Amino acid sequence: MNDGHTKLHRPIAFLGASGRIGRLLQAVERRRPDPLRRFAWQYRHGVDVGASRFLWSDFSDPSPFIDAHARFGFQTLCVFTGAAGQAIFSRELQEHVALTSASLTAAQSAGISRVLVASSSAIYGAAIARPFRETDPAQPINAYGAAKREVERLCSRYRAQTGLEICALRIGNVAGADSLLGRLCPETREQIVLDVFPDGAGPRRSYVGAHSLYDILCALSDCASRLPERLNVGGCTPVSMDQLLKAADIQWVARQCASEGHQNITLDCKLLGSLCPEVSGASHASDLVSEWRSLRAMQ
């Protein structure tokens, strides 16, 4: 019941609930349930449809999504579906773009005007002398970054042609869904090898915790102003991967790296801060590790 002072929020559709980020965000919701904010989580198969889940198996047919919108009344669509990680091949790249295209078409058909599409900091490519800004060119150096560049090009065309408000989220590393913490589990015996650069530190990246990402998606959904075409998403302070491993008390082996070209790939998130001033979250290694561990136990 609305008491007249509390703002009621319409649900957000999240495509890709079975992925690493989707599972973490659902753990956030279970840890701190908010009766005024409910994500509706999309699966392709394997779950029962319920109060916060819906099935959409074949993206070429938008009708299941339109039916879900009629049931939930989505305010915003978050597109986090498709292949993830660095080991992405041409077939998966094409599927990634096709799934995004189908999602945008379904959003327009359902009458949803705001779409948040997961992109990546990998779109920028090799490090430069400062944090990347949204105005910097996309110059990816791997297939995953190239896939995200194609997704963003699709979003730009769709936005220009239809007027649909599409914002590509250039997300840094999500703690627990990244290539470092995301592949660790209590029983792992895999030896961790980490590049160490001349200053004695490992790679530095812009990390964001799942709690903060959850809040960012909610804040962007509610934002009164029109969102930009692209937006960096990360913490205010870069994090060294060696500090993450130290905070997690994980043994690792240093691999000396003379080149500094890939050490500092970080994001300038001032625009995000201006759009979501109320969101503040973990940005230090120890806090990110503590949050990751608490959520991993709830997945």
Protein backbone atom coordinates (compact mmCIF):
# COMPACT_ATOMS: atom_id res chain seq x y z
CA MET A 1 0.00 0.00 0.00
CA ASN A 2 1.25 3.48 -0.83
CA ASP A 3 1.16 5.71 2.25
CA GLY A 4 1.11 8.87 0.12
CA HIS A 5 4.76 9.63 0.80
CA THR A 6 6.55 6.60 -0.64
CA LYS A 7 7.11 6.47 -4.37
CA LEU A 8 5.92 3.30 -6.05
CA HIS A 9 8.16 1.89 -8.74
CA ARG A 10 7.08 -0.12 -11.74
CA PRO A 11 8.98 -3.34 -12.44
CA ILE A 12 12.10 -3.61 -14.56
CA ALA A 13 12.47 -6.46 -17.04
CA PHE A 14 15.90 -8.11 -16.86
CA LEU A 15 16.89 -10.27 -19.82
CA GLY A 16 19.64 -12.75 -18.97
CA ALA A 17 18.72 -13.86 -15.46
CA SER A 18 20.73 -17.09 -15.69
CA GLY A 19 24.02 -15.31 -16.45
CA ARG A 20 26.64 -14.43 -13.86
CA ILE A 21 25.48 -10.85 -13.41
CA GLY A 22 21.82 -11.88 -13.36
CA ARG A 23 22.45 -14.44 -10.62
CA LEU A 24 24.34 -11.91 -8.52
CA LEU A 25 21.61 -9.30 -8.86
CA GLN A 26 18.96 -11.81 -7.83
CA ALA A 27 21.06 -12.61 -4.76
CA VAL A 28 21.05 -8.89 -3.95
CA GLU A 29 17.27 -8.83 -4.20
CA ARG A 30 16.94 -11.87 -1.94
CA ARG A 31 19.24 -10.32 0.63
CA ARG A 32 17.36 -7.06 0.86
CA PRO A 33 13.88 -7.54 -0.59
CA ASP A 34 12.14 -4.30 -1.47
CA PRO A 35 8.37 -4.55 -1.87
CA LEU A 36 8.36 -1.32 -3.86
CA ARG A 37 10.95 -2.41 -6.42
CA ARG A 38 10.63 -5.74 -8.17
CA PHE A 39 12.72 -6.91 -11.07
CA ALA A 40 11.09 -9.42 -13.39
CA TRP A 41 13.75 -11.96 -14.39
CA GLN A 42 13.70 -13.52 -17.85
CA TYR A 43 14.72 -17.12 -18.44
CA ARG A 44 14.74 -19.19 -21.59
CA HIS A 45 13.81 -22.43 -19.85
CA GLY A 46 14.14 -24.43 -16.67
CA VAL A 47 12.18 -22.27 -14.20
CA ASP A 48 8.59 -21.95 -13.08
CA VAL A 49 6.83 -18.75 -14.03
CA GLY A 50 6.07 -16.85 -10.86
CA ALA A 51 5.70 -13.45 -9.26
CA SER A 52 9.10 -12.31 -10.48
CA ARG A 53 9.99 -14.64 -13.35
CA PHE A 54 8.91 -15.07 -16.93
CA LEU A 55 9.92 -17.26 -19.85
CA TRP A 56 11.01 -15.99 -23.23
CA SER A 57 12.72 -18.81 -25.09
CA ASP A 58 12.60 -17.76 -28.74
CA PHE A 59 13.60 -14.14 -29.20
CA SER A 60 12.39 -14.21 -32.81
CA ASP A 61 8.86 -14.25 -31.40
CA PRO A 62 8.20 -11.13 -29.29
CA SER A 63 4.76 -12.25 -28.09
CA PRO A 64 5.94 -13.91 -24.81
CA PHE A 65 7.71 -10.70 -23.86
CA ILE A 66 4.71 -8.58 -24.79
CA ASP A 67 2.52 -10.90 -22.70
CA ALA A 68 4.95 -10.51 -19.77
CA HIS A 69 4.79 -6.74 -20.12
CA ALA A 70 0.99 -6.90 -19.99
CA ARG A 71 1.29 -8.88 -16.74
CA PHE A 72 4.07 -6.87 -15.03
CA GLY A 73 3.83 -3.40 -16.60
CA PHE A 74 7.53 -2.89 -17.18
CA GLN A 75 9.01 0.56 -16.80
CA THR A 76 12.43 -0.27 -18.24
CA LEU A 77 14.08 -3.12 -20.11
CA CYS A 78 17.62 -4.25 -19.16
CA VAL A 79 19.31 -6.31 -21.87
CA PHE A 80 22.02 -8.49 -20.32
CA THR A 81 21.52 -11.53 -22.50
CA GLY A 82 24.00 -13.14 -24.87
CA ALA A 83 27.52 -14.54 -24.73
CA ALA A 84 29.92 -13.03 -22.20
CA GLY A 85 33.62 -13.23 -21.50
CA GLN A 86 36.73 -12.90 -23.61
CA ALA A 87 36.38 -16.29 -25.35
CA ILE A 88 33.64 -15.25 -27.75
CA PHE A 89 33.60 -16.54 -31.31
CA SER A 90 32.06 -15.23 -34.53
CA ARG A 91 28.87 -17.30 -34.19
CA GLU A 92 28.35 -16.05 -30.64
CA LEU A 93 29.11 -12.50 -31.76
CA GLN A 94 26.39 -12.69 -34.37
CA GLU A 95 23.97 -14.19 -31.85
CA HIS A 96 24.80 -11.42 -29.38
CA VAL A 97 23.83 -8.74 -31.89
CA ALA A 98 20.73 -10.67 -33.01
CA LEU A 99 19.45 -11.08 -29.44
CA THR A 100 19.90 -7.37 -28.79
CA SER A 101 18.08 -6.49 -32.00
CA ALA A 102 15.17 -8.77 -31.06
CA SER A 103 15.06 -7.25 -27.57
CA LEU A 104 14.85 -3.72 -28.94
CA THR A 105 12.10 -4.71 -31.36
CA ALA A 106 10.13 -6.34 -28.54
CA ALA A 107 10.55 -3.26 -26.33
CA GLN A 108 9.17 -1.02 -29.06
CA SER A 109 6.28 -3.40 -29.74
CA ALA A 110 5.42 -3.52 -26.04
CA GLY A 111 5.57 0.27 -25.69
CA ILE A 112 8.57 0.37 -23.35
CA SER A 113 10.44 3.60 -23.99
CA ARG A 114 13.66 3.12 -21.97
CA VAL A 115 16.20 0.33 -22.56
CA LEU A 116 19.51 -0.25 -20.76
CA VAL A 117 21.86 -2.44 -22.80
CA ALA A 118 24.92 -4.07 -21.23
CA SER A 119 28.09 -3.04 -23.01
CA SER A 120 31.62 -3.24 -21.59
CA SER A 121 34.79 -1.28 -20.86
CA ALA A 122 36.41 -3.74 -23.31
CA ILE A 123 34.99 -1.57 -26.07
CA TYR A 124 37.71 1.05 -25.48
CA GLY A 125 40.68 -1.22 -26.14
CA ALA A 126 44.21 -0.71 -24.84
CA ALA A 127 44.94 1.61 -21.94
CA ILE A 128 45.57 5.32 -22.37
CA ALA A 129 47.15 7.81 -19.98
CA ARG A 130 43.87 8.58 -18.19
CA PRO A 131 40.52 6.97 -17.41
CA PHE A 132 38.33 6.48 -20.47
CA ARG A 133 35.48 8.91 -21.07
CA GLU A 134 32.29 8.16 -22.96
CA THR A 135 33.46 10.47 -25.75
CA ASP A 136 36.60 8.39 -26.41
CA PRO A 137 36.53 6.24 -29.57
CA ALA A 138 35.70 2.54 -29.44
CA GLN A 139 38.87 0.68 -30.45
CA PRO A 140 38.48 -2.86 -29.09
CA ILE A 141 41.41 -5.26 -29.26
CA ASN A 142 39.53 -8.53 -28.73
CA ALA A 143 36.43 -10.26 -30.07
CA TYR A 144 34.36 -9.53 -26.98
CA GLY A 145 34.99 -5.79 -27.28
CA ALA A 146 34.23 -6.00 -31.00
CA ALA A 147 30.92 -7.71 -30.23
CA LYS A 148 29.99 -4.91 -27.85
CA ARG A 149 30.94 -2.32 -30.46
CA GLU A 150 28.54 -3.96 -32.92
CA VAL A 151 25.83 -3.99 -30.27
CA GLU A 152 26.36 -0.28 -29.60
CA ARG A 153 26.23 0.53 -33.31
CA LEU A 154 22.93 -1.31 -33.52
CA CYS A 155 21.61 0.63 -30.52
CA SER A 156 22.64 3.96 -32.05
CA ARG A 157 20.87 3.16 -35.31
CA TYR A 158 17.76 1.98 -33.52
CA ARG A 159 17.68 5.03 -31.28
CA ALA A 160 18.03 7.38 -34.27
CA GLN A 161 15.41 5.59 -36.36
CA THR A 162 12.75 4.96 -33.72
CA GLY A 163 13.31 7.48 -30.94
CA LEU A 164 13.57 4.64 -28.42
CA GLU A 165 15.66 5.77 -25.44
CA ILE A 166 18.56 3.31 -25.44
CA CYS A 167 21.56 3.69 -23.16
CA ALA A 168 24.58 1.42 -23.62
CA LEU A 169 26.15 0.76 -20.22
CA ARG A 170 29.92 0.46 -20.59
CA ILE A 171 30.35 -1.62 -17.47
CA GLY A 172 33.73 -2.22 -15.87
CA ASN A 173 34.40 -5.39 -13.90
CA VAL A 174 31.48 -6.66 -11.83
CA ALA A 175 32.95 -8.23 -8.70
CA GLY A 176 32.06 -11.91 -8.76
CA ALA A 177 31.09 -11.95 -12.43
CA ASP A 178 34.57 -10.98 -13.67
CA SER A 179 37.36 -13.20 -15.00
CA LEU A 180 39.16 -13.15 -11.65
CA LEU A 181 36.74 -13.59 -8.73
CA GLY A 182 34.06 -15.05 -10.98
CA ARG A 183 36.02 -18.25 -11.61
CA LEU A 184 36.92 -18.86 -7.97
CA CYS A 185 34.98 -21.18 -5.72
CA PRO A 186 35.79 -22.82 -2.38
CA GLU A 187 36.89 -26.06 -4.00
CA THR A 188 39.01 -24.53 -6.77
CA ARG A 189 42.58 -25.72 -7.04
CA GLU A 190 43.41 -23.67 -10.08
CA GLN A 191 46.65 -21.74 -9.75
CA ILE A 192 46.10 -18.02 -10.23
CA VAL A 193 48.75 -16.29 -12.32
CA LEU A 194 48.60 -12.49 -12.36
CA ASP A 195 50.62 -9.98 -14.33
CA VAL A 196 52.68 -7.68 -12.12
CA PHE A 197 53.95 -4.43 -13.60
CA PRO A 198 57.09 -2.37 -12.88
CA ASP A 199 55.39 -0.47 -10.04
CA GLY A 200 54.78 -3.78 -8.22
CA ALA A 201 51.00 -3.76 -8.70
CA GLY A 202 48.74 -5.90 -10.84
CA PRO A 203 46.18 -4.77 -13.42
CA ARG A 204 43.96 -1.90 -12.29
CA ARG A 205 40.33 -1.87 -13.34
CA SER A 206 37.12 -0.03 -12.54
CA TYR A 207 35.10 -2.46 -10.44
CA VAL A 208 31.48 -2.27 -9.37
CA GLY A 209 29.82 -4.46 -6.76
CA ALA A 210 26.51 -6.19 -7.43
CA HIS A 211 24.73 -4.11 -4.77
CA SER A 212 25.85 -0.91 -6.48
CA LEU A 213 24.94 -2.20 -9.93
CA TYR A 214 21.46 -3.14 -8.71
CA ASP A 215 20.99 0.39 -7.34
CA ILE A 216 22.40 1.95 -10.52
CA LEU A 217 19.91 0.08 -12.73
CA CYS A 218 17.05 1.19 -10.48
CA ALA A 219 18.26 4.80 -10.43
CA LEU A 220 18.66 4.93 -14.21
CA SER A 221 15.19 3.44 -14.64
CA ASP A 222 13.75 6.24 -12.50
CA CYS A 223 15.92 9.05 -13.91
CA ALA A 224 13.71 11.98 -14.92
CA SER A 225 16.03 13.23 -17.66
CA ARG A 226 16.69 11.51 -20.98
CA LEU A 227 19.66 9.18 -20.70
CA PRO A 228 22.79 9.51 -22.86
CA GLU A 229 23.57 7.03 -25.61
CA ARG A 230 26.46 5.55 -23.64
CA LEU A 231 27.43 5.60 -19.99
CA ASN A 232 30.46 4.33 -18.08
CA VAL A 233 29.56 2.18 -15.07
CA GLY A 234 32.12 1.51 -12.34
CA GLY A 235 33.32 2.55 -8.92
CA CYS A 236 34.88 5.92 -8.22
CA THR A 237 38.26 4.36 -7.33
CA PRO A 238 40.13 1.85 -9.54
CA VAL A 239 41.02 -1.46 -7.90
CA SER A 240 44.20 -3.50 -8.36
CA MET A 241 43.57 -7.18 -8.96
CA ASP A 242 46.42 -8.16 -6.63
CA GLN A 243 44.66 -6.28 -3.84
CA LEU A 244 41.46 -8.21 -4.58
CA LEU A 245 43.30 -11.51 -4.28
CA LYS A 246 44.99 -10.35 -1.09
CA ALA A 247 41.64 -9.32 0.39
CA ALA A 248 40.20 -12.71 -0.56
CA ASP A 249 43.23 -14.47 0.99
CA ILE A 250 43.89 -16.31 -2.26
CA GLN A 251 47.39 -17.46 -3.14
CA TRP A 252 48.65 -16.43 -6.54
CA VAL A 253 51.79 -16.39 -8.68
CA ALA A 254 53.25 -13.20 -10.10
CA ARG A 255 54.18 -13.01 -13.77
CA GLN A 256 56.45 -10.06 -14.40
CA CYS A 257 55.21 -7.82 -17.19
CA ALA A 258 57.47 -5.10 -18.56
CA SER A 259 54.82 -3.43 -20.70
CA GLU A 260 52.45 -1.07 -18.93
CA GLY A 261 50.02 -0.88 -21.84
CA HIS A 262 47.34 -3.01 -20.21
CA GLN A 263 47.83 -2.15 -16.56
CA ASN A 264 45.40 0.75 -16.17
CA ILE A 265 42.14 0.28 -18.07
CA THR A 266 39.82 2.42 -16.00
CA LEU A 267 36.67 4.46 -16.46
CA ASP A 268 35.77 8.08 -15.84
CA CYS A 269 32.36 7.76 -14.13
CA LYS A 270 31.57 11.42 -13.48
CA LEU A 271 28.52 11.30 -15.76
CA LEU A 272 27.18 8.27 -13.89
CA GLY A 273 27.66 10.14 -10.61
CA SER A 274 25.65 13.09 -11.89
CA LEU A 275 22.79 10.83 -12.99
CA CYS A 276 22.82 8.60 -9.88
CA PRO A 277 24.09 10.84 -7.04
CA GLU A 278 22.24 8.75 -4.46
CA VAL A 279 24.13 5.56 -5.31
CA SER A 280 27.29 4.90 -3.33
CA GLY A 281 28.77 1.47 -2.96
CA ALA A 282 31.84 -0.62 -2.35
CA SER A 283 34.90 0.61 -4.25
CA HIS A 284 37.72 -0.86 -2.15
CA ALA A 285 39.07 -4.38 -2.56
CA SER A 286 38.12 -5.57 0.92
CA ASP A 287 34.54 -4.29 0.60
CA LEU A 288 34.10 -5.80 -2.85
CA VAL A 289 35.37 -9.19 -1.68
CA SER A 290 33.17 -9.15 1.43
CA GLU A 291 30.10 -8.31 -0.68
CA TRP A 292 30.95 -10.98 -3.27
CA ARG A 293 31.32 -13.67 -0.65
CA SER A 294 28.03 -12.81 1.05
CA LEU A 295 26.17 -12.96 -2.27
CA ARG A 296 27.89 -16.13 -3.48
CA ALA A 297 26.44 -17.96 -0.50
CA MET A 298 22.92 -16.93 -1.56
CA GLN A 299 23.08 -17.98 -5.22
